[in-house]
Amino acid sequence: MWRSFKPDETYSVWSAVSHDGGFTFSKPLQVSQAPSPARQSIEYRGNNWDGDDLSSIAVDNDYVHIVWADGRAGFLGAWYARVPLTSY
């Protein structure tokens, strides 16, 4: 999973998976449904302002679980997505 930034510093979250141990990867899938606003326009709350300590990914037999920092709520908060492996 990764964040993709636009020139205006808004960003979206994407992911891809490998079904063969890392030799090839699926087509990238956009996880976030809307871009997060640029960080300078978000109210400051919490300790993760300068870094990206909140991004995380875990995979089980059926789903990819993704967590990231996003400011669509007007402050930097944690967002979660559960994506079926069959989507990749």
PDB file of N, CA and C in Angstrom:
ATOM      1  N   MET A   1       0.845  -1.167   0.000  1.00  0.00           N
ATOM      2  CA  MET A   1       0.000   0.000   0.000  1.00  0.00           C
ATOM      3  C   MET A   1       0.886   1.222   0.000  1.00  0.00           C
ATOM      4  N   TRP A   2       0.364   2.294  -0.585  1.00  0.00           N
ATOM      5  CA  TRP A   2       1.120   3.532  -0.665  1.00  0.00           C
ATOM      6  C   TRP A   2       0.155   4.692  -0.833  1.00  0.00           C
ATOM      7  N   ARG A   3       0.673   5.889  -0.587  1.00  0.00           N
ATOM      8  CA  ARG A   3      -0.083   7.119  -0.832  1.00  0.00           C
ATOM      9  C   ARG A   3       0.433   7.739  -2.120  1.00  0.00           C
ATOM     10  N   SER A   4      -0.478   8.208  -2.937  1.00  0.00           N
ATOM     11  CA  SER A   4      -0.126   8.858  -4.186  1.00  0.00           C
ATOM     12  C   SER A   4      -0.499  10.329  -4.080  1.00  0.00           C
ATOM     13  N   PHE A   5       0.516  11.213  -4.151  1.00  0.00           N
ATOM     14  CA  PHE A   5       0.298  12.647  -4.000  1.00  0.00           C
ATOM     15  C   PHE A   5       0.127  13.322  -5.351  1.00  0.00           C
ATOM     16  N   LYS A   6      -0.780  14.297  -5.402  1.00  0.00           N
ATOM     17  CA  LYS A   6      -0.962  15.140  -6.583  1.00  0.00           C
ATOM     18  C   LYS A   6      -0.168  16.428  -6.380  1.00  0.00           C
ATOM     19  N   PRO A   7       0.037  17.234  -7.423  1.00  0.00           N
ATOM     20  CA  PRO A   7       0.794  18.481  -7.272  1.00  0.00           C
ATOM     21  C   PRO A   7       0.229  19.427  -6.195  1.00  0.00           C
ATOM     22  N   ASP A   8      -1.087  19.369  -5.953  1.00  0.00           N
ATOM     23  CA  ASP A   8      -1.674  20.242  -4.924  1.00  0.00           C
ATOM     24  C   ASP A   8      -1.546  19.653  -3.514  1.00  0.00           C
ATOM     25  N   GLU A   9      -0.804  18.541  -3.379  1.00  0.00           N
ATOM     26  CA  GLU A   9      -0.508  17.845  -2.127  1.00  0.00           C
ATOM     27  C   GLU A   9      -1.697  17.087  -1.534  1.00  0.00           C
ATOM     28  N   THR A  10      -2.815  16.966  -2.256  1.00  0.00           N
ATOM     29  CA  THR A  10      -3.854  16.032  -1.841  1.00  0.00           C
ATOM     30  C   THR A  10      -3.342  14.633  -2.164  1.00  0.00           C
ATOM     31  N   TYR A  11      -3.893  13.624  -1.501  1.00  0.00           N
ATOM     32  CA  TYR A  11      -3.391  12.280  -1.748  1.00  0.00           C
ATOM     33  C   TYR A  11      -4.487  11.237  -1.624  1.00  0.00           C
ATOM     34  N   SER A  12      -4.240  10.103  -2.272  1.00  0.00           N
ATOM     35  CA  SER A  12      -5.121   8.942  -2.224  1.00  0.00           C
ATOM     36  C   SER A  12      -4.282   7.731  -1.827  1.00  0.00           C
ATOM     37  N   VAL A  13      -4.958   6.697  -1.334  1.00  0.00           N
ATOM     38  CA  VAL A  13      -4.276   5.481  -0.908  1.00  0.00           C
ATOM     39  C   VAL A  13      -4.546   4.374  -1.927  1.00  0.00           C
ATOM     40  N   TRP A  14      -3.505   3.646  -2.290  1.00  0.00           N
ATOM     41  CA  TRP A  14      -3.566   2.580  -3.278  1.00  0.00           C
ATOM     42  C   TRP A  14      -2.952   1.305  -2.695  1.00  0.00           C
ATOM     43  N   SER A  15      -3.262   0.174  -3.297  1.00  0.00           N
ATOM     44  CA  SER A  15      -2.637  -1.082  -2.885  1.00  0.00           C
ATOM     45  C   SER A  15      -2.573  -2.039  -4.067  1.00  0.00           C
ATOM     46  N   ALA A  16      -1.722  -3.033  -3.909  1.00  0.00           N
ATOM     47  CA  ALA A  16      -1.592  -4.125  -4.881  1.00  0.00           C
ATOM     48  C   ALA A  16      -1.158  -5.355  -4.098  1.00  0.00           C
ATOM     49  N   VAL A  17      -1.427  -6.527  -4.638  1.00  0.00           N
ATOM     50  CA  VAL A  17      -1.014  -7.772  -3.986  1.00  0.00           C
ATOM     51  C   VAL A  17      -0.293  -8.668  -4.991  1.00  0.00           C
ATOM     52  N   SER A  18       0.480  -9.576  -4.442  1.00  0.00           N
ATOM     53  CA  SER A  18       1.134 -10.592  -5.242  1.00  0.00           C
ATOM     54  C   SER A  18       0.563 -11.942  -4.832  1.00  0.00           C
ATOM     55  N   HIS A  19       0.180 -12.724  -5.808  1.00  0.00           N
ATOM     56  CA  HIS A  19      -0.337 -14.072  -5.550  1.00  0.00           C
ATOM     57  C   HIS A  19       0.723 -15.140  -5.811  1.00  0.00           C
ATOM     58  N   ASP A  20       1.963 -14.705  -6.146  1.00  0.00           N
ATOM     59  CA  ASP A  20       3.014 -15.673  -6.470  1.00  0.00           C
ATOM     60  C   ASP A  20       4.324 -15.384  -5.734  1.00  0.00           C
ATOM     61  N   GLY A  21       4.213 -14.883  -4.502  1.00  0.00           N
ATOM     62  CA  GLY A  21       5.411 -14.667  -3.688  1.00  0.00           C
ATOM     63  C   GLY A  21       6.247 -13.468  -4.078  1.00  0.00           C
ATOM     64  N   GLY A  22       5.666 -12.512  -4.777  1.00  0.00           N
ATOM     65  CA  GLY A  22       6.381 -11.288  -5.108  1.00  0.00           C
ATOM     66  C   GLY A  22       6.981 -11.221  -6.497  1.00  0.00           C
ATOM     67  N   PHE A  23       6.737 -12.223  -7.322  1.00  0.00           N
ATOM     68  CA  PHE A  23       7.264 -12.185  -8.684  1.00  0.00           C
ATOM     69  C   PHE A  23       6.475 -11.219  -9.557  1.00  0.00           C
ATOM     70  N   THR A  24       5.165 -11.206  -9.396  1.00  0.00           N
ATOM     71  CA  THR A  24       4.310 -10.258 -10.120  1.00  0.00           C
ATOM     72  C   THR A  24       3.287  -9.692  -9.136  1.00  0.00           C
ATOM     73  N   PHE A  25       2.735  -8.538  -9.481  1.00  0.00           N
ATOM     74  CA  PHE A  25       1.736  -7.889  -8.630  1.00  0.00           C
ATOM     75  C   PHE A  25       0.491  -7.562  -9.442  1.00  0.00           C
ATOM     76  N   SER A  26      -0.616  -7.478  -8.732  1.00  0.00           N
ATOM     77  CA  SER A  26      -1.890  -7.137  -9.362  1.00  0.00           C
ATOM     78  C   SER A  26      -1.861  -5.702  -9.865  1.00  0.00           C
ATOM     79  N   LYS A  27      -2.841  -5.375 -10.663  1.00  0.00           N
ATOM     80  CA  LYS A  27      -3.048  -3.990 -11.065  1.00  0.00           C
ATOM     81  C   LYS A  27      -3.350  -3.183  -9.800  1.00  0.00           C
ATOM     82  N   PRO A  28      -2.775  -1.976  -9.644  1.00  0.00           N
ATOM     83  CA  PRO A  28      -3.055  -1.167  -8.450  1.00  0.00           C
ATOM     84  C   PRO A  28      -4.540  -0.860  -8.307  1.00  0.00           C
ATOM     85  N   LEU A  29      -4.994  -0.888  -7.069  1.00  0.00           N
ATOM     86  CA  LEU A  29      -6.390  -0.643  -6.730  1.00  0.00           C
ATOM     87  C   LEU A  29      -6.451   0.568  -5.805  1.00  0.00           C
ATOM     88  N   GLN A  30      -7.252   1.576  -6.164  1.00  0.00           N
ATOM     89  CA  GLN A  30      -7.399   2.734  -5.284  1.00  0.00           C
ATOM     90  C   GLN A  30      -8.269   2.338  -4.097  1.00  0.00           C
ATOM     91  N   VAL A  31      -7.740   2.499  -2.889  1.00  0.00           N
ATOM     92  CA  VAL A  31      -8.419   2.090  -1.668  1.00  0.00           C
ATOM     93  C   VAL A  31      -9.284   3.217  -1.126  1.00  0.00           C
ATOM     94  N   SER A  32      -8.746   4.420  -1.048  1.00  0.00           N
ATOM     95  CA  SER A  32      -9.521   5.558  -0.534  1.00  0.00           C
ATOM     96  C   SER A  32     -10.500   6.017  -1.604  1.00  0.00           C
ATOM     97  N   GLN A  33     -11.714   6.331  -1.196  1.00  0.00           N
ATOM     98  CA  GLN A  33     -12.753   6.699  -2.156  1.00  0.00           C
ATOM     99  C   GLN A  33     -12.730   8.170  -2.531  1.00  0.00           C
ATOM    100  N   ALA A  34     -12.005   8.985  -1.757  1.00  0.00           N
ATOM    101  CA  ALA A  34     -11.873  10.412  -2.045  1.00  0.00           C
ATOM    102  C   ALA A  34     -10.484  10.846  -1.621  1.00  0.00           C
ATOM    103  N   PRO A  35      -9.912  11.863  -2.258  1.00  0.00           N
ATOM    104  CA  PRO A  35      -8.581  12.305  -1.855  1.00  0.00           C
ATOM    105  C   PRO A  35      -8.605  13.006  -0.496  1.00  0.00           C
ATOM    106  N   SER A  36      -7.515  12.831   0.243  1.00  0.00           N
ATOM    107  CA  SER A  36      -7.345  13.558   1.489  1.00  0.00           C
ATOM    108  C   SER A  36      -6.826  14.951   1.163  1.00  0.00           C
ATOM    109  N   PRO A  37      -7.279  15.979   1.883  1.00  0.00           N
ATOM    110  CA  PRO A  37      -6.759  17.321   1.627  1.00  0.00           C
ATOM    111  C   PRO A  37      -5.286  17.426   2.003  1.00  0.00           C
ATOM    112  N   ALA A  38      -4.642  18.446   1.478  1.00  0.00           N
ATOM    113  CA  ALA A  38      -3.238  18.692   1.812  1.00  0.00           C
ATOM    114  C   ALA A  38      -3.085  18.876   3.314  1.00  0.00           C
ATOM    115  N   ARG A  39      -1.979  18.432   3.855  1.00  0.00           N
ATOM    116  CA  ARG A  39      -1.796  18.448   5.306  1.00  0.00           C
ATOM    117  C   ARG A  39      -1.879  19.838   5.921  1.00  0.00           C
ATOM    118  N   GLN A  40      -1.399  20.876   5.255  1.00  0.00           N
ATOM    119  CA  GLN A  40      -1.423  22.199   5.861  1.00  0.00           C
ATOM    120  C   GLN A  40      -2.843  22.737   6.026  1.00  0.00           C
ATOM    121  N   SER A  41      -3.831  22.131   5.371  1.00  0.00           N
ATOM    122  CA  SER A  41      -5.216  22.594   5.495  1.00  0.00           C
ATOM    123  C   SER A  41      -5.989  21.816   6.557  1.00  0.00           C
ATOM    124  N   ILE A  42      -5.326  20.876   7.243  1.00  0.00           N
ATOM    125  CA  ILE A  42      -5.988  20.029   8.233  1.00  0.00           C
ATOM    126  C   ILE A  42      -5.640  20.527   9.632  1.00  0.00           C
ATOM    127  N   GLU A  43      -6.601  20.521  10.522  1.00  0.00           N
ATOM    128  CA  GLU A  43      -6.354  20.895  11.911  1.00  0.00           C
ATOM    129  C   GLU A  43      -5.351  19.937  12.541  1.00  0.00           C
ATOM    130  N   TYR A  44      -4.406  20.478  13.298  1.00  0.00           N
ATOM    131  CA  TYR A  44      -3.373  19.650  13.931  1.00  0.00           C
ATOM    132  C   TYR A  44      -3.934  18.956  15.164  1.00  0.00           C
ATOM    133  N   ARG A  45      -3.861  17.636  15.199  1.00  0.00           N
ATOM    134  CA  ARG A  45      -4.197  16.817  16.356  1.00  0.00           C
ATOM    135  C   ARG A  45      -3.307  15.591  16.340  1.00  0.00           C
ATOM    136  N   GLY A  46      -2.754  15.197  17.449  1.00  0.00           N
ATOM    137  CA  GLY A  46      -1.990  13.956  17.542  1.00  0.00           C
ATOM    138  C   GLY A  46      -0.515  14.116  17.257  1.00  0.00           C
ATOM    139  N   ASN A  47       0.189  12.989  17.265  1.00  0.00           N
ATOM    140  CA  ASN A  47       1.642  12.983  17.144  1.00  0.00           C
ATOM    141  C   ASN A  47       2.153  12.627  15.757  1.00  0.00           C
ATOM    142  N   ASN A  48       1.314  12.192  14.833  1.00  0.00           N
ATOM    143  CA  ASN A  48       1.779  11.675  13.548  1.00  0.00           C
ATOM    144  C   ASN A  48       1.748  12.711  12.441  1.00  0.00           C
ATOM    145  N   TRP A  49       1.932  13.956  12.780  1.00  0.00           N
ATOM    146  CA  TRP A  49       1.790  15.024  11.789  1.00  0.00           C
ATOM    147  C   TRP A  49       2.878  14.980  10.725  1.00  0.00           C
ATOM    148  N   ASP A  50       4.133  14.813  11.121  1.00  0.00           N
ATOM    149  CA  ASP A  50       5.231  14.917  10.166  1.00  0.00           C
ATOM    150  C   ASP A  50       5.559  13.608   9.453  1.00  0.00           C
ATOM    151  N   GLY A  51       5.206  12.486  10.035  1.00  0.00           N
ATOM    152  CA  GLY A  51       5.561  11.213   9.435  1.00  0.00           C
ATOM    153  C   GLY A  51       4.349  10.469   8.927  1.00  0.00           C
ATOM    154  N   ASP A  52       4.548   9.199   8.658  1.00  0.00           N
ATOM    155  CA  ASP A  52       3.463   8.362   8.182  1.00  0.00           C
ATOM    156  C   ASP A  52       3.412   7.102   9.038  1.00  0.00           C
ATOM    157  N   ASP A  53       3.435   7.287  10.350  1.00  0.00           N
ATOM    158  CA  ASP A  53       3.453   6.163  11.281  1.00  0.00           C
ATOM    159  C   ASP A  53       2.139   5.396  11.302  1.00  0.00           C
ATOM    160  N   LEU A  54       1.102   5.927  10.706  1.00  0.00           N
ATOM    161  CA  LEU A  54      -0.212   5.317  10.806  1.00  0.00           C
ATOM    162  C   LEU A  54      -0.510   4.328   9.686  1.00  0.00           C
ATOM    163  N   SER A  55       0.262   4.312   8.618  1.00  0.00           N
ATOM    164  CA  SER A  55       0.001   3.383   7.520  1.00  0.00           C
ATOM    165  C   SER A  55       0.329   1.963   7.929  1.00  0.00           C
ATOM    166  N   SER A  56      -0.607   1.053   7.652  1.00  0.00           N
ATOM    167  CA  SER A  56      -0.411  -0.347   8.015  1.00  0.00           C
ATOM    168  C   SER A  56      -1.227  -1.229   7.083  1.00  0.00           C
ATOM    169  N   ILE A  57      -0.735  -2.449   6.879  1.00  0.00           N
ATOM    170  CA  ILE A  57      -1.451  -3.394   6.031  1.00  0.00           C
ATOM    171  C   ILE A  57      -1.290  -4.794   6.623  1.00  0.00           C
ATOM    172  N   ALA A  58      -2.351  -5.563   6.580  1.00  0.00           N
ATOM    173  CA  ALA A  58      -2.328  -6.965   7.023  1.00  0.00           C
ATOM    174  C   ALA A  58      -3.193  -7.761   6.061  1.00  0.00           C
ATOM    175  N   VAL A  59      -2.824  -9.008   5.839  1.00  0.00           N
ATOM    176  CA  VAL A  59      -3.542  -9.866   4.891  1.00  0.00           C
ATOM    177  C   VAL A  59      -3.914 -11.167   5.589  1.00  0.00           C
ATOM    178  N   ASP A  60      -5.164 -11.595   5.402  1.00  0.00           N
ATOM    179  CA  ASP A  60      -5.558 -12.923   5.876  1.00  0.00           C
ATOM    180  C   ASP A  60      -5.975 -13.749   4.658  1.00  0.00           C
ATOM    181  N   ASN A  61      -6.647 -14.835   4.848  1.00  0.00           N
ATOM    182  CA  ASN A  61      -7.004 -15.709   3.725  1.00  0.00           C
ATOM    183  C   ASN A  61      -8.034 -15.107   2.783  1.00  0.00           C
ATOM    184  N   ASP A  62      -8.783 -14.112   3.246  1.00  0.00           N
ATOM    185  CA  ASP A  62      -9.864 -13.558   2.438  1.00  0.00           C
ATOM    186  C   ASP A  62      -9.765 -12.069   2.139  1.00  0.00           C
ATOM    187  N   TYR A  63      -9.080 -11.316   2.991  1.00  0.00           N
ATOM    188  CA  TYR A  63      -9.090  -9.846   2.882  1.00  0.00           C
ATOM    189  C   TYR A  63      -7.712  -9.234   3.056  1.00  0.00           C
ATOM    190  N   VAL A  64      -7.572  -8.023   2.493  1.00  0.00           N
ATOM    191  CA  VAL A  64      -6.447  -7.141   2.771  1.00  0.00           C
ATOM    192  C   VAL A  64      -7.009  -6.041   3.662  1.00  0.00           C
ATOM    193  N   HIS A  65      -6.403  -5.844   4.840  1.00  0.00           N
ATOM    194  CA  HIS A  65      -6.841  -4.833   5.803  1.00  0.00           C
ATOM    195  C   HIS A  65      -5.837  -3.685   5.755  1.00  0.00           C
ATOM    196  N   ILE A  66      -6.322  -2.467   5.509  1.00  0.00           N
ATOM    197  CA  ILE A  66      -5.437  -1.321   5.309  1.00  0.00           C
ATOM    198  C   ILE A  66      -5.869  -0.185   6.236  1.00  0.00           C
ATOM    199  N   VAL A  67      -4.892   0.436   6.901  1.00  0.00           N
ATOM    200  CA  VAL A  67      -5.130   1.586   7.768  1.00  0.00           C
ATOM    201  C   VAL A  67      -4.199   2.706   7.310  1.00  0.00           C
ATOM    202  N   TRP A  68      -4.707   3.944   7.281  1.00  0.00           N
ATOM    203  CA  TRP A  68      -3.888   5.084   6.886  1.00  0.00           C
ATOM    204  C   TRP A  68      -4.400   6.355   7.553  1.00  0.00           C
ATOM    205  N   ALA A  69      -3.557   7.385   7.580  1.00  0.00           N
ATOM    206  CA  ALA A  69      -3.936   8.694   8.094  1.00  0.00           C
ATOM    207  C   ALA A  69      -4.574   9.491   6.967  1.00  0.00           C
ATOM    208  N   ASP A  70      -5.678  10.155   7.276  1.00  0.00           N
ATOM    209  CA  ASP A  70      -6.425  10.873   6.255  1.00  0.00           C
ATOM    210  C   ASP A  70      -7.113  12.063   6.911  1.00  0.00           C
ATOM    211  N   GLY A  71      -7.201  13.167   6.185  1.00  0.00           N
ATOM    212  CA  GLY A  71      -7.763  14.382   6.759  1.00  0.00           C
ATOM    213  C   GLY A  71      -9.124  14.782   6.236  1.00  0.00           C
ATOM    214  N   ARG A  72      -9.854  13.879   5.603  1.00  0.00           N
ATOM    215  CA  ARG A  72     -11.164  14.244   5.035  1.00  0.00           C
ATOM    216  C   ARG A  72     -12.170  14.691   6.084  1.00  0.00           C
ATOM    217  N   ALA A  73     -11.973  14.309   7.333  1.00  0.00           N
ATOM    218  CA  ALA A  73     -12.910  14.697   8.400  1.00  0.00           C
ATOM    219  C   ALA A  73     -12.612  16.095   8.940  1.00  0.00           C
ATOM    220  N   GLY A  74     -11.569  16.759   8.419  1.00  0.00           N
ATOM    221  CA  GLY A  74     -11.196  18.083   8.905  1.00  0.00           C
ATOM    222  C   GLY A  74     -10.059  18.036   9.899  1.00  0.00           C
ATOM    223  N   PHE A  75      -9.656  16.858  10.305  1.00  0.00           N
ATOM    224  CA  PHE A  75      -8.491  16.651  11.170  1.00  0.00           C
ATOM    225  C   PHE A  75      -7.856  15.334  10.759  1.00  0.00           C
ATOM    226  N   LEU A  76      -6.602  15.140  11.120  1.00  0.00           N
ATOM    227  CA  LEU A  76      -5.889  13.925  10.738  1.00  0.00           C
ATOM    228  C   LEU A  76      -6.372  12.773  11.598  1.00  0.00           C
ATOM    229  N   GLY A  77      -7.027  11.797  10.980  1.00  0.00           N
ATOM    230  CA  GLY A  77      -7.575  10.662  11.699  1.00  0.00           C
ATOM    231  C   GLY A  77      -7.214   9.358  11.022  1.00  0.00           C
ATOM    232  N   ALA A  78      -7.526   8.250  11.664  1.00  0.00           N
ATOM    233  CA  ALA A  78      -7.245   6.920  11.124  1.00  0.00           C
ATOM    234  C   ALA A  78      -8.426   6.446  10.283  1.00  0.00           C
ATOM    235  N   TRP A  79      -8.133   5.909   9.109  1.00  0.00           N
ATOM    236  CA  TRP A  79      -9.144   5.337   8.224  1.00  0.00           C
ATOM    237  C   TRP A  79      -8.803   3.867   8.000  1.00  0.00           C
ATOM    238  N   TYR A  80      -9.833   3.048   7.805  1.00  0.00           N
ATOM    239  CA  TYR A  80      -9.656   1.609   7.647  1.00  0.00           C
ATOM    240  C   TYR A  80     -10.421   1.131   6.417  1.00  0.00           C
ATOM    241  N   ALA A  81      -9.804   0.219   5.674  1.00  0.00           N
ATOM    242  CA  ALA A  81     -10.474  -0.425   4.541  1.00  0.00           C
ATOM    243  C   ALA A  81     -10.226  -1.927   4.605  1.00  0.00           C
ATOM    244  N   ARG A  82     -11.238  -2.695   4.260  1.00  0.00           N
ATOM    245  CA  ARG A  82     -11.118  -4.147   4.141  1.00  0.00           C
ATOM    246  C   ARG A  82     -11.458  -4.482   2.692  1.00  0.00           C
ATOM    247  N   VAL A  83     -10.466  -4.962   1.954  1.00  0.00           N
ATOM    248  CA  VAL A  83     -10.628  -5.234   0.532  1.00  0.00           C
ATOM    249  C   VAL A  83     -10.545  -6.740   0.303  1.00  0.00           C
ATOM    250  N   PRO A  84     -11.552  -7.336  -0.344  1.00  0.00           N
ATOM    251  CA  PRO A  84     -11.476  -8.771  -0.631  1.00  0.00           C
ATOM    252  C   PRO A  84     -10.281  -9.093  -1.534  1.00  0.00           C
ATOM    253  N   LEU A  85      -9.585 -10.168  -1.250  1.00  0.00           N
ATOM    254  CA  LEU A  85      -8.464 -10.575  -2.110  1.00  0.00           C
ATOM    255  C   LEU A  85      -8.915 -10.806  -3.539  1.00  0.00           C
ATOM    256  N   THR A  86     -10.164 -11.191  -3.702  1.00  0.00           N
ATOM    257  CA  THR A  86     -10.689 -11.433  -5.055  1.00  0.00           C
ATOM    258  C   THR A  86     -10.805 -10.147  -5.873  1.00  0.00           C
ATOM    259  N   SER A  87     -10.660  -8.977  -5.239  1.00  0.00           N
ATOM    260  CA  SER A  87     -10.698  -7.699  -5.966  1.00  0.00           C
ATOM    261  C   SER A  87      -9.406  -7.405  -6.702  1.00  0.00           C
ATOM    262  N   TYR A  88      -8.352  -8.140  -6.370  1.00  0.00           N
ATOM    263  CA  TYR A  88      -7.055  -7.885  -6.989  1.00  0.00           C
ATOM    264  C   TYR A  88      -6.796  -8.861  -8.127  1.00  0.00           C
TER     265      TYR A  88
END
